Amino acid sequence: MCGINRAKLGPSGAIRAGSTSSLDEVEWEDWAPTVNLGYQKSKPKSEASLQRDQRMKLKEDKQKRHDCAETLLDLQIPDKQS
């Protein structure tokens, strides 16, 4: 059995299905590095994207302040319907 690691063989001599090679089994024919393949997790953000994110954050902050101010005003003004 050329090139087959005997530890990967089942009792009948067949290769166990679904078995993965460990990190140190670089001679195993199915071995492939899966860590740090040179890809970044995401593309660097463009200047326009960073500005858009900043505008959205400012808009969300402004909305939160507005909601808080509205709630405070509602608490200060007694309800005349009672």
PDB file of N, CA and C in Angstrom:
ATOM      1  N   MET A   1       0.861  -1.176   0.000  1.00  0.00           N
ATOM      2  CA  MET A   1       0.000   0.000   0.000  1.00  0.00           C
ATOM      3  C   MET A   1       0.900   1.229   0.000  1.00  0.00           C
ATOM      4  N   CYS A   2       1.154   1.694  -1.149  1.00  0.00           N
ATOM      5  CA  CYS A   2       2.125   2.778  -1.292  1.00  0.00           C
ATOM      6  C   CYS A   2       1.545   4.119  -0.849  1.00  0.00           C
ATOM      7  N   GLY A   3       2.282   4.793  -0.010  1.00  0.00           N
ATOM      8  CA  GLY A   3       1.930   6.146   0.388  1.00  0.00           C
ATOM      9  C   GLY A   3       0.735   6.267   1.315  1.00  0.00           C
ATOM     10  N   ILE A   4       0.221   5.182   1.858  1.00  0.00           N
ATOM     11  CA  ILE A   4      -0.951   5.258   2.734  1.00  0.00           C
ATOM     12  C   ILE A   4      -0.502   4.999   4.162  1.00  0.00           C
ATOM     13  N   ASN A   5      -0.820   5.887   5.026  1.00  0.00           N
ATOM     14  CA  ASN A   5      -0.508   5.746   6.437  1.00  0.00           C
ATOM     15  C   ASN A   5      -1.371   4.623   7.009  1.00  0.00           C
ATOM     16  N   ARG A   6      -0.732   3.632   7.596  1.00  0.00           N
ATOM     17  CA  ARG A   6      -1.481   2.468   8.105  1.00  0.00           C
ATOM     18  C   ARG A   6      -2.440   2.847   9.237  1.00  0.00           C
ATOM     19  N   ALA A   7      -2.171   3.948   9.921  1.00  0.00           N
ATOM     20  CA  ALA A   7      -3.069   4.384  10.993  1.00  0.00           C
ATOM     21  C   ALA A   7      -4.415   4.820  10.434  1.00  0.00           C
ATOM     22  N   LYS A   8      -4.455   5.153   9.148  1.00  0.00           N
ATOM     23  CA  LYS A   8      -5.697   5.595   8.523  1.00  0.00           C
ATOM     24  C   LYS A   8      -6.520   4.433   7.977  1.00  0.00           C
ATOM     25  N   LEU A   9      -6.003   3.240   8.079  1.00  0.00           N
ATOM     26  CA  LEU A   9      -6.716   2.083   7.542  1.00  0.00           C
ATOM     27  C   LEU A   9      -7.667   1.498   8.573  1.00  0.00           C
ATOM     28  N   GLY A  10      -8.793   1.073   8.106  1.00  0.00           N
ATOM     29  CA  GLY A  10      -9.747   0.392   8.965  1.00  0.00           C
ATOM     30  C   GLY A  10      -9.376  -1.075   9.089  1.00  0.00           C
ATOM     31  N   PRO A  11     -10.181  -1.885   9.782  1.00  0.00           N
ATOM     32  CA  PRO A  11      -9.874  -3.293   9.994  1.00  0.00           C
ATOM     33  C   PRO A  11      -9.771  -4.086   8.692  1.00  0.00           C
ATOM     34  N   SER A  12     -10.505  -3.701   7.676  1.00  0.00           N
ATOM     35  CA  SER A  12     -10.483  -4.462   6.427  1.00  0.00           C
ATOM     36  C   SER A  12      -9.390  -3.980   5.481  1.00  0.00           C
ATOM     37  N   GLY A  13      -8.629  -2.987   5.876  1.00  0.00           N
ATOM     38  CA  GLY A  13      -7.577  -2.467   5.016  1.00  0.00           C
ATOM     39  C   GLY A  13      -8.037  -1.300   4.165  1.00  0.00           C
ATOM     40  N   ALA A  14      -9.316  -0.965   4.244  1.00  0.00           N
ATOM     41  CA  ALA A  14      -9.831   0.166   3.472  1.00  0.00           C
ATOM     42  C   ALA A  14      -9.578   1.458   4.238  1.00  0.00           C
ATOM     43  N   ILE A  15      -9.429   2.524   3.510  1.00  0.00           N
ATOM     44  CA  ILE A  15      -9.219   3.821   4.157  1.00  0.00           C
ATOM     45  C   ILE A  15     -10.514   4.257   4.827  1.00  0.00           C
ATOM     46  N   ARG A  16     -10.384   4.707   6.077  1.00  0.00           N
ATOM     47  CA  ARG A  16     -11.559   5.169   6.805  1.00  0.00           C
ATOM     48  C   ARG A  16     -12.105   6.426   6.147  1.00  0.00           C
ATOM     49  N   ALA A  17     -13.363   6.405   5.856  1.00  0.00           N
ATOM     50  CA  ALA A  17     -13.998   7.551   5.194  1.00  0.00           C
ATOM     51  C   ALA A  17     -14.104   8.719   6.162  1.00  0.00           C
ATOM     52  N   GLY A  18     -13.864   9.894   5.654  1.00  0.00           N
ATOM     53  CA  GLY A  18     -14.052  11.095   6.448  1.00  0.00           C
ATOM     54  C   GLY A  18     -12.936  11.400   7.413  1.00  0.00           C
ATOM     55  N   SER A  19     -11.864  10.626   7.390  1.00  0.00           N
ATOM     56  CA  SER A  19     -10.786  10.918   8.323  1.00  0.00           C
ATOM     57  C   SER A  19      -9.930  12.048   7.772  1.00  0.00           C
ATOM     58  N   THR A  20      -9.510  12.910   8.649  1.00  0.00           N
ATOM     59  CA  THR A  20      -8.667  14.024   8.239  1.00  0.00           C
ATOM     60  C   THR A  20      -7.259  13.788   8.736  1.00  0.00           C
ATOM     61  N   SER A  21      -6.322  14.363   8.060  1.00  0.00           N
ATOM     62  CA  SER A  21      -4.938  14.208   8.483  1.00  0.00           C
ATOM     63  C   SER A  21      -4.644  15.211   9.593  1.00  0.00           C
ATOM     64  N   SER A  22      -3.741  14.824  10.466  1.00  0.00           N
ATOM     65  CA  SER A  22      -3.366  15.755  11.527  1.00  0.00           C
ATOM     66  C   SER A  22      -2.310  16.713  10.992  1.00  0.00           C
ATOM     67  N   LEU A  23      -1.996  17.723  11.764  1.00  0.00           N
ATOM     68  CA  LEU A  23      -1.112  18.786  11.314  1.00  0.00           C
ATOM     69  C   LEU A  23       0.291  18.284  10.990  1.00  0.00           C
ATOM     70  N   ASP A  24       0.753  17.258  11.699  1.00  0.00           N
ATOM     71  CA  ASP A  24       2.118  16.778  11.474  1.00  0.00           C
ATOM     72  C   ASP A  24       2.217  15.715  10.382  1.00  0.00           C
ATOM     73  N   GLU A  25       1.124  15.314   9.781  1.00  0.00           N
ATOM     74  CA  GLU A  25       1.143  14.280   8.742  1.00  0.00           C
ATOM     75  C   GLU A  25       1.300  14.906   7.351  1.00  0.00           C
ATOM     76  N   VAL A  26       2.410  15.605   7.145  1.00  0.00           N
ATOM     77  CA  VAL A  26       2.609  16.308   5.881  1.00  0.00           C
ATOM     78  C   VAL A  26       2.840  15.354   4.719  1.00  0.00           C
ATOM     79  N   GLU A  27       3.185  14.111   4.992  1.00  0.00           N
ATOM     80  CA  GLU A  27       3.394  13.120   3.932  1.00  0.00           C
ATOM     81  C   GLU A  27       2.080  12.478   3.487  1.00  0.00           C
ATOM     82  N   TRP A  28       1.016  12.647   4.265  1.00  0.00           N
ATOM     83  CA  TRP A  28      -0.290  12.075   3.947  1.00  0.00           C
ATOM     84  C   TRP A  28      -0.827  12.749   2.697  1.00  0.00           C
ATOM     85  N   GLU A  29      -1.317  11.986   1.758  1.00  0.00           N
ATOM     86  CA  GLU A  29      -1.720  12.531   0.455  1.00  0.00           C
ATOM     87  C   GLU A  29      -2.862  13.534   0.535  1.00  0.00           C
ATOM     88  N   ASP A  30      -3.679  13.462   1.561  1.00  0.00           N
ATOM     89  CA  ASP A  30      -4.786  14.399   1.703  1.00  0.00           C
ATOM     90  C   ASP A  30      -4.435  15.592   2.586  1.00  0.00           C
ATOM     91  N   TRP A  31      -3.178  15.660   3.017  1.00  0.00           N
ATOM     92  CA  TRP A  31      -2.784  16.743   3.910  1.00  0.00           C
ATOM     93  C   TRP A  31      -2.724  18.051   3.146  1.00  0.00           C
ATOM     94  N   ALA A  32      -3.294  19.059   3.720  1.00  0.00           N
ATOM     95  CA  ALA A  32      -3.208  20.405   3.157  1.00  0.00           C
ATOM     96  C   ALA A  32      -3.314  21.391   4.308  1.00  0.00           C
ATOM     97  N   PRO A  33      -2.486  22.407   4.316  1.00  0.00           N
ATOM     98  CA  PRO A  33      -2.589  23.396   5.388  1.00  0.00           C
ATOM     99  C   PRO A  33      -3.882  24.176   5.239  1.00  0.00           C
ATOM    100  N   THR A  34      -4.547  24.404   6.339  1.00  0.00           N
ATOM    101  CA  THR A  34      -5.808  25.142   6.283  1.00  0.00           C
ATOM    102  C   THR A  34      -5.757  26.401   7.125  1.00  0.00           C
ATOM    103  N   VAL A  35      -4.585  26.716   7.653  1.00  0.00           N
ATOM    104  CA  VAL A  35      -4.442  27.888   8.497  1.00  0.00           C
ATOM    105  C   VAL A  35      -3.475  28.857   7.819  1.00  0.00           C
ATOM    106  N   ASN A  36      -3.801  30.124   7.858  1.00  0.00           N
ATOM    107  CA  ASN A  36      -2.932  31.173   7.318  1.00  0.00           C
ATOM    108  C   ASN A  36      -2.538  30.906   5.870  1.00  0.00           C
ATOM    109  N   LEU A  37      -3.507  30.802   5.010  1.00  0.00           N
ATOM    110  CA  LEU A  37      -3.238  30.563   3.599  1.00  0.00           C
ATOM    111  C   LEU A  37      -2.921  31.852   2.848  1.00  0.00           C
ATOM    112  N   GLY A  38      -2.741  32.937   3.566  1.00  0.00           N
ATOM    113  CA  GLY A  38      -2.403  34.196   2.933  1.00  0.00           C
ATOM    114  C   GLY A  38      -3.605  35.075   2.655  1.00  0.00           C
ATOM    115  N   TYR A  39      -4.775  34.634   3.045  1.00  0.00           N
ATOM    116  CA  TYR A  39      -5.977  35.419   2.814  1.00  0.00           C
ATOM    117  C   TYR A  39      -6.326  36.184   4.075  1.00  0.00           C
ATOM    118  N   GLN A  40      -6.782  37.405   3.892  1.00  0.00           N
ATOM    119  CA  GLN A  40      -7.282  38.160   5.029  1.00  0.00           C
ATOM    120  C   GLN A  40      -8.741  37.788   5.225  1.00  0.00           C
ATOM    121  N   LYS A  41      -9.217  37.913   6.446  1.00  0.00           N
ATOM    122  CA  LYS A  41     -10.606  37.565   6.719  1.00  0.00           C
ATOM    123  C   LYS A  41     -11.559  38.475   5.969  1.00  0.00           C
ATOM    124  N   SER A  42     -11.198  39.701   5.790  1.00  0.00           N
ATOM    125  CA  SER A  42     -12.049  40.618   5.042  1.00  0.00           C
ATOM    126  C   SER A  42     -11.164  41.620   4.311  1.00  0.00           C
ATOM    127  N   LYS A  43     -11.746  42.234   3.334  1.00  0.00           N
ATOM    128  CA  LYS A  43     -11.006  43.242   2.581  1.00  0.00           C
ATOM    129  C   LYS A  43     -10.863  44.491   3.444  1.00  0.00           C
ATOM    130  N   PRO A  44      -9.773  45.220   3.280  1.00  0.00           N
ATOM    131  CA  PRO A  44      -9.667  46.493   3.996  1.00  0.00           C
ATOM    132  C   PRO A  44     -10.781  47.431   3.542  1.00  0.00           C
ATOM    133  N   LYS A  45     -11.323  48.189   4.480  1.00  0.00           N
ATOM    134  CA  LYS A  45     -12.435  49.077   4.146  1.00  0.00           C
ATOM    135  C   LYS A  45     -11.939  50.290   3.370  1.00  0.00           C
ATOM    136  N   SER A  46     -12.721  50.686   2.407  1.00  0.00           N
ATOM    137  CA  SER A  46     -12.385  51.869   1.617  1.00  0.00           C
ATOM    138  C   SER A  46     -12.688  53.125   2.428  1.00  0.00           C
ATOM    139  N   GLU A  47     -12.161  54.240   1.969  1.00  0.00           N
ATOM    140  CA  GLU A  47     -12.399  55.518   2.647  1.00  0.00           C
ATOM    141  C   GLU A  47     -13.887  55.855   2.654  1.00  0.00           C
ATOM    142  N   ALA A  48     -14.563  55.589   1.530  1.00  0.00           N
ATOM    143  CA  ALA A  48     -16.000  55.867   1.446  1.00  0.00           C
ATOM    144  C   ALA A  48     -16.773  55.006   2.443  1.00  0.00           C
ATOM    145  N   SER A  49     -16.366  53.758   2.586  1.00  0.00           N
ATOM    146  CA  SER A  49     -17.038  52.859   3.522  1.00  0.00           C
ATOM    147  C   SER A  49     -16.828  53.319   4.964  1.00  0.00           C
ATOM    148  N   LEU A  50     -15.619  53.755   5.279  1.00  0.00           N
ATOM    149  CA  LEU A  50     -15.344  54.258   6.631  1.00  0.00           C
ATOM    150  C   LEU A  50     -16.161  55.504   6.933  1.00  0.00           C
ATOM    151  N   GLN A  51     -16.279  56.392   5.945  1.00  0.00           N
ATOM    152  CA  GLN A  51     -17.086  57.599   6.133  1.00  0.00           C
ATOM    153  C   GLN A  51     -18.560  57.248   6.309  1.00  0.00           C
ATOM    154  N   ARG A  52     -19.053  56.274   5.548  1.00  0.00           N
ATOM    155  CA  ARG A  52     -20.444  55.839   5.661  1.00  0.00           C
ATOM    156  C   ARG A  52     -20.698  55.252   7.050  1.00  0.00           C
ATOM    157  N   ASP A  53     -19.759  54.436   7.540  1.00  0.00           N
ATOM    158  CA  ASP A  53     -19.896  53.867   8.883  1.00  0.00           C
ATOM    159  C   ASP A  53     -19.943  54.966   9.941  1.00  0.00           C
ATOM    160  N   GLN A  54     -19.101  55.985   9.758  1.00  0.00           N
ATOM    161  CA  GLN A  54     -19.078  57.087  10.716  1.00  0.00           C
ATOM    162  C   GLN A  54     -20.397  57.861  10.689  1.00  0.00           C
ATOM    163  N   ARG A  55     -20.934  58.102   9.490  1.00  0.00           N
ATOM    164  CA  ARG A  55     -22.227  58.802   9.383  1.00  0.00           C
ATOM    165  C   ARG A  55     -23.342  57.991  10.045  1.00  0.00           C
ATOM    166  N   MET A  56     -23.338  56.687   9.848  1.00  0.00           N
ATOM    167  CA  MET A  56     -24.373  55.840  10.458  1.00  0.00           C
ATOM    168  C   MET A  56     -24.271  55.872  11.982  1.00  0.00           C
ATOM    169  N   LYS A  57     -23.037  55.848  12.496  1.00  0.00           N
ATOM    170  CA  LYS A  57     -22.856  55.900  13.947  1.00  0.00           C
ATOM    171  C   LYS A  57     -23.359  57.233  14.502  1.00  0.00           C
ATOM    172  N   LEU A  58     -23.035  58.326  13.820  1.00  0.00           N
ATOM    173  CA  LEU A  58     -23.521  59.638  14.258  1.00  0.00           C
ATOM    174  C   LEU A  58     -25.042  59.700  14.213  1.00  0.00           C
ATOM    175  N   LYS A  59     -25.631  59.130  13.174  1.00  0.00           N
ATOM    176  CA  LYS A  59     -27.093  59.124  13.041  1.00  0.00           C
ATOM    177  C   LYS A  59     -27.733  58.317  14.171  1.00  0.00           C
ATOM    178  N   GLU A  60     -27.146  57.160  14.492  1.00  0.00           N
ATOM    179  CA  GLU A  60     -27.681  56.335  15.582  1.00  0.00           C
ATOM    180  C   GLU A  60     -27.559  57.060  16.921  1.00  0.00           C
ATOM    181  N   ASP A  61     -26.415  57.714  17.151  1.00  0.00           N
ATOM    182  CA  ASP A  61     -26.225  58.468  18.394  1.00  0.00           C
ATOM    183  C   ASP A  61     -27.230  59.608  18.505  1.00  0.00           C
ATOM    184  N   LYS A  62     -27.455  60.300  17.402  1.00  0.00           N
ATOM    185  CA  LYS A  62     -28.416  61.408  17.388  1.00  0.00           C
ATOM    186  C   LYS A  62     -29.822  60.897  17.695  1.00  0.00           C
ATOM    187  N   GLN A  63     -30.190  59.742  17.137  1.00  0.00           N
ATOM    188  CA  GLN A  63     -31.512  59.163  17.378  1.00  0.00           C
ATOM    189  C   GLN A  63     -31.666  58.769  18.847  1.00  0.00           C
ATOM    190  N   LYS A  64     -30.612  58.199  19.432  1.00  0.00           N
ATOM    191  CA  LYS A  64     -30.663  57.820  20.848  1.00  0.00           C
ATOM    192  C   LYS A  64     -30.836  59.050  21.740  1.00  0.00           C
ATOM    193  N   ARG A  65     -30.082  60.118  21.431  1.00  0.00           N
ATOM    194  CA  ARG A  65     -30.215  61.351  22.219  1.00  0.00           C
ATOM    195  C   ARG A  65     -31.613  61.933  22.087  1.00  0.00           C
ATOM    196  N   HIS A  66     -32.166  61.887  20.887  1.00  0.00           N
ATOM    197  CA  HIS A  66     -33.520  62.399  20.652  1.00  0.00           C
ATOM    198  C   HIS A  66     -34.533  61.598  21.470  1.00  0.00           C
ATOM    199  N   ASP A  67     -34.399  60.277  21.436  1.00  0.00           N
ATOM    200  CA  ASP A  67     -35.317  59.417  22.192  1.00  0.00           C
ATOM    201  C   ASP A  67     -35.212  59.687  23.691  1.00  0.00           C
ATOM    202  N   CYS A  68     -33.989  59.873  24.182  1.00  0.00           N
ATOM    203  CA  CYS A  68     -33.804  60.154  25.608  1.00  0.00           C
ATOM    204  C   CYS A  68     -34.424  61.496  25.987  1.00  0.00           C
ATOM    205  N   ALA A  69     -34.196  62.512  25.153  1.00  0.00           N
ATOM    206  CA  ALA A  69     -34.752  63.839  25.428  1.00  0.00           C
ATOM    207  C   ALA A  69     -36.272  63.795  25.409  1.00  0.00           C
ATOM    208  N   GLU A  70     -36.831  63.071  24.469  1.00  0.00           N
ATOM    209  CA  GLU A  70     -38.288  62.954  24.371  1.00  0.00           C
ATOM    210  C   GLU A  70     -38.855  62.269  25.613  1.00  0.00           C
ATOM    211  N   THR A  71     -38.177  61.246  26.088  1.00  0.00           N
ATOM    212  CA  THR A  71     -38.625  60.538  27.291  1.00  0.00           C
ATOM    213  C   THR A  71     -38.561  61.448  28.509  1.00  0.00           C
ATOM    214  N   LEU A  72     -37.476  62.216  28.622  1.00  0.00           N
ATOM    215  CA  LEU A  72     -37.365  63.150  29.749  1.00  0.00           C
ATOM    216  C   LEU A  72     -38.468  64.197  29.720  1.00  0.00           C
ATOM    217  N   LEU A  73     -38.790  64.706  28.547  1.00  0.00           N
ATOM    218  CA  LEU A  73     -39.876  65.683  28.437  1.00  0.00           C
ATOM    219  C   LEU A  73     -41.215  65.054  28.814  1.00  0.00           C
ATOM    220  N   ASP A  74     -41.429  63.823  28.397  1.00  0.00           N
ATOM    221  CA  ASP A  74     -42.674  63.131  28.748  1.00  0.00           C
ATOM    222  C   ASP A  74     -42.788  62.947  30.256  1.00  0.00           C
ATOM    223  N   LEU A  75     -41.684  62.727  30.927  1.00  0.00           N
ATOM    224  CA  LEU A  75     -41.706  62.535  32.375  1.00  0.00           C
ATOM    225  C   LEU A  75     -41.931  63.856  33.109  1.00  0.00           C
ATOM    226  N   GLN A  76     -41.482  64.965  32.543  1.00  0.00           N
ATOM    227  CA  GLN A  76     -41.609  66.264  33.203  1.00  0.00           C
ATOM    228  C   GLN A  76     -42.998  66.860  33.056  1.00  0.00           C
ATOM    229  N   ILE A  77     -43.634  66.656  31.940  1.00  0.00           N
ATOM    230  CA  ILE A  77     -44.951  67.246  31.696  1.00  0.00           C
ATOM    231  C   ILE A  77     -46.015  66.308  32.261  1.00  0.00           C
ATOM    232  N   PRO A  78     -46.818  66.800  33.234  1.00  0.00           N
ATOM    233  CA  PRO A  78     -47.867  65.934  33.787  1.00  0.00           C
ATOM    234  C   PRO A  78     -48.934  65.655  32.727  1.00  0.00           C
ATOM    235  N   ASP A  79     -49.455  64.481  32.792  1.00  0.00           N
ATOM    236  CA  ASP A  79     -50.488  64.064  31.837  1.00  0.00           C
ATOM    237  C   ASP A  79     -51.800  64.740  32.211  1.00  0.00           C
ATOM    238  N   LYS A  80     -52.360  65.555  31.321  1.00  0.00           N
ATOM    239  CA  LYS A  80     -53.581  66.316  31.602  1.00  0.00           C
ATOM    240  C   LYS A  80     -54.842  65.494  31.371  1.00  0.00           C
ATOM    241  N   GLN A  81     -54.705  64.287  30.866  1.00  0.00           N
ATOM    242  CA  GLN A  81     -55.883  63.466  30.590  1.00  0.00           C
ATOM    243  C   GLN A  81     -56.431  62.830  31.862  1.00  0.00           C
ATOM    244  N   SER A  82     -55.661  62.748  32.920  1.00  0.00           N
ATOM    245  CA  SER A  82     -56.118  62.075  34.134  1.00  0.00           C
ATOM    246  C   SER A  82     -57.114  62.885  34.878  1.00  0.00           C
TER     247      SER A  82
END
